[in-house]
Amino acid sequence: MSFLSGKNRNNVIQQLMFAASGAILERYTLDTGIPYPKEKPVHVAISPVAAEAIDMRGKYAHGAAFSGTSLIPTDDLETIQSVIELNRYVSESF
């Protein structure tokens, strides 16, 4: 889980890319240059200002999703818990 503390677009994007990179490193191990998947951890990036700072349908949000990181644009605990549970359910389905 990552909490993105950036207040403007550039800071949120930079922190999101670090979070997505970390998620990829968590999910794979390299053996002679070949990536092998490990377990499927649930990774979320929480940013209360993300919806205002970046386009939630743009390339940065999609890039994070491709890495297995869900960008949650709120700090509401109930919403965060719901998203994490949904991610676990979807991850276990594959």
C-alpha atoms as a PDB file:
ATOM      1  CA  MET A   1       0.000   0.000   0.000  1.00  0.00           C
ATOM      2  CA  SER A   2       1.288   3.426  -0.893  1.00  0.00           C
ATOM      3  CA  PHE A   3      -0.008   6.761   0.292  1.00  0.00           C
ATOM      4  CA  LEU A   4       0.681   9.471  -2.263  1.00  0.00           C
ATOM      5  CA  SER A   5       1.172  12.766  -0.471  1.00  0.00           C
ATOM      6  CA  GLY A   6       1.719  14.959  -3.530  1.00  0.00           C
ATOM      7  CA  LYS A   7      -0.458  18.040  -3.803  1.00  0.00           C
ATOM      8  CA  ASN A   8       0.054  18.857  -7.481  1.00  0.00           C
ATOM      9  CA  ARG A   9      -0.014  16.944 -10.742  1.00  0.00           C
ATOM     10  CA  ASN A  10       3.736  16.386 -11.142  1.00  0.00           C
ATOM     11  CA  ASN A  11       4.216  15.166  -7.578  1.00  0.00           C
ATOM     12  CA  VAL A  12       1.272  12.761  -7.749  1.00  0.00           C
ATOM     13  CA  ILE A  13       2.477  11.370 -11.087  1.00  0.00           C
ATOM     14  CA  GLN A  14       6.035  10.885  -9.809  1.00  0.00           C
ATOM     15  CA  GLN A  15       4.841   9.137  -6.646  1.00  0.00           C
ATOM     16  CA  LEU A  16       2.398   6.992  -8.621  1.00  0.00           C
ATOM     17  CA  MET A  17       5.151   5.823 -10.964  1.00  0.00           C
ATOM     18  CA  PHE A  18       7.357   4.869  -7.984  1.00  0.00           C
ATOM     19  CA  ALA A  19       4.430   2.950  -6.460  1.00  0.00           C
ATOM     20  CA  ALA A  20       3.755   1.148  -9.761  1.00  0.00           C
ATOM     21  CA  SER A  21       7.450   0.256 -10.135  1.00  0.00           C
ATOM     22  CA  GLY A  22       7.458  -1.162  -6.626  1.00  0.00           C
ATOM     23  CA  ALA A  23       4.368  -3.234  -7.408  1.00  0.00           C
ATOM     24  CA  ILE A  24       6.048  -4.749 -10.465  1.00  0.00           C
ATOM     25  CA  LEU A  25       9.178  -5.587  -8.457  1.00  0.00           C
ATOM     26  CA  GLU A  26       6.963  -7.270  -5.833  1.00  0.00           C
ATOM     27  CA  ARG A  27       5.118  -9.386  -8.389  1.00  0.00           C
ATOM     28  CA  TYR A  28       8.035 -10.850 -10.358  1.00  0.00           C
ATOM     29  CA  THR A  29      11.400 -12.438  -9.768  1.00  0.00           C
ATOM     30  CA  LEU A  30      14.133 -12.611 -12.409  1.00  0.00           C
ATOM     31  CA  ASP A  31      15.954 -15.812 -13.249  1.00  0.00           C
ATOM     32  CA  THR A  32      18.629 -15.366 -15.939  1.00  0.00           C
ATOM     33  CA  GLY A  33      16.763 -12.351 -17.269  1.00  0.00           C
ATOM     34  CA  ILE A  34      13.355 -14.030 -17.445  1.00  0.00           C
ATOM     35  CA  PRO A  35      10.578 -12.642 -15.219  1.00  0.00           C
ATOM     36  CA  TYR A  36       8.607 -15.276 -13.315  1.00  0.00           C
ATOM     37  CA  PRO A  37       5.432 -14.291 -11.467  1.00  0.00           C
ATOM     38  CA  LYS A  38       5.383 -14.648  -7.721  1.00  0.00           C
ATOM     39  CA  GLU A  39       2.291 -14.402  -5.563  1.00  0.00           C
ATOM     40  CA  LYS A  40      -0.323 -11.828  -6.496  1.00  0.00           C
ATOM     41  CA  PRO A  41      -0.204  -9.208  -3.755  1.00  0.00           C
ATOM     42  CA  VAL A  42      -2.865  -6.525  -3.699  1.00  0.00           C
ATOM     43  CA  HIS A  43      -1.255  -3.157  -4.237  1.00  0.00           C
ATOM     44  CA  VAL A  44      -3.098   0.123  -3.881  1.00  0.00           C
ATOM     45  CA  ALA A  45      -1.973   3.735  -4.124  1.00  0.00           C
ATOM     46  CA  ILE A  46      -4.097   6.114  -2.084  1.00  0.00           C
ATOM     47  CA  SER A  47      -4.213   9.771  -3.083  1.00  0.00           C
ATOM     48  CA  PRO A  48      -7.033  12.026  -1.926  1.00  0.00           C
ATOM     49  CA  VAL A  49      -6.082  14.610  -4.589  1.00  0.00           C
ATOM     50  CA  ALA A  50      -5.564  12.224  -7.516  1.00  0.00           C
ATOM     51  CA  ALA A  51      -8.941  12.900  -9.127  1.00  0.00           C
ATOM     52  CA  GLU A  52      -8.159  16.626  -9.312  1.00  0.00           C
ATOM     53  CA  ALA A  53      -4.439  16.280 -10.064  1.00  0.00           C
ATOM     54  CA  ILE A  54      -4.418  13.751 -12.909  1.00  0.00           C
ATOM     55  CA  ASP A  55      -6.764  12.347 -15.526  1.00  0.00           C
ATOM     56  CA  MET A  56      -8.137   9.154 -13.966  1.00  0.00           C
ATOM     57  CA  ARG A  57      -8.704   7.787 -17.488  1.00  0.00           C
ATOM     58  CA  GLY A  58      -5.293   8.848 -18.742  1.00  0.00           C
ATOM     59  CA  LYS A  59      -2.028   7.075 -19.330  1.00  0.00           C
ATOM     60  CA  TYR A  60      -0.712   7.376 -15.776  1.00  0.00           C
ATOM     61  CA  ALA A  61      -3.753   5.762 -14.184  1.00  0.00           C
ATOM     62  CA  HIS A  62      -3.748   3.061 -16.876  1.00  0.00           C
ATOM     63  CA  GLY A  63      -0.023   2.473 -16.416  1.00  0.00           C
ATOM     64  CA  ALA A  64      -0.532   1.982 -12.703  1.00  0.00           C
ATOM     65  CA  ALA A  65      -3.382  -0.444 -13.370  1.00  0.00           C
ATOM     66  CA  PHE A  66      -1.203  -2.384 -15.819  1.00  0.00           C
ATOM     67  CA  SER A  67       1.367  -2.832 -13.032  1.00  0.00           C
ATOM     68  CA  GLY A  68      -1.356  -4.192 -10.745  1.00  0.00           C
ATOM     69  CA  THR A  69      -1.714  -0.995  -8.722  1.00  0.00           C
ATOM     70  CA  SER A  70      -5.167   0.365  -8.015  1.00  0.00           C
ATOM     71  CA  LEU A  71      -5.259   4.139  -7.692  1.00  0.00           C
ATOM     72  CA  ILE A  72      -7.806   5.123  -5.059  1.00  0.00           C
ATOM     73  CA  PRO A  73      -8.637   8.857  -5.175  1.00  0.00           C
ATOM     74  CA  THR A  74     -10.001   9.119  -1.641  1.00  0.00           C
ATOM     75  CA  ASP A  75      -8.942   8.798   1.973  1.00  0.00           C
ATOM     76  CA  ASP A  76     -12.259   7.258   3.061  1.00  0.00           C
ATOM     77  CA  LEU A  77     -11.364   4.086   4.988  1.00  0.00           C
ATOM     78  CA  GLU A  78     -14.543   2.227   4.021  1.00  0.00           C
ATOM     79  CA  THR A  79     -13.949   2.829   0.307  1.00  0.00           C
ATOM     80  CA  ILE A  80     -10.310   1.769   0.600  1.00  0.00           C
ATOM     81  CA  GLN A  81     -11.258  -1.473   2.363  1.00  0.00           C
ATOM     82  CA  SER A  82     -13.894  -2.212  -0.288  1.00  0.00           C
ATOM     83  CA  VAL A  83     -11.409  -1.719  -3.124  1.00  0.00           C
ATOM     84  CA  ILE A  84      -8.809  -3.928  -1.426  1.00  0.00           C
ATOM     85  CA  GLU A  85     -11.342  -6.715  -0.910  1.00  0.00           C
ATOM     86  CA  LEU A  86     -12.507  -6.456  -4.525  1.00  0.00           C
ATOM     87  CA  ASN A  87      -8.883  -6.570  -5.713  1.00  0.00           C
ATOM     88  CA  ARG A  88      -8.259  -9.714  -3.666  1.00  0.00           C
ATOM     89  CA  TYR A  89     -11.338 -11.353  -5.126  1.00  0.00           C
ATOM     90  CA  VAL A  90     -10.370 -10.485  -8.715  1.00  0.00           C
ATOM     91  CA  SER A  91      -6.721 -11.469  -8.160  1.00  0.00           C
ATOM     92  CA  GLU A  92      -7.702 -14.890  -6.795  1.00  0.00           C
ATOM     93  CA  SER A  93      -9.977 -15.476  -9.794  1.00  0.00           C
ATOM     94  CA  PHE A  94      -7.059 -15.589 -12.220  1.00  0.00           C
END
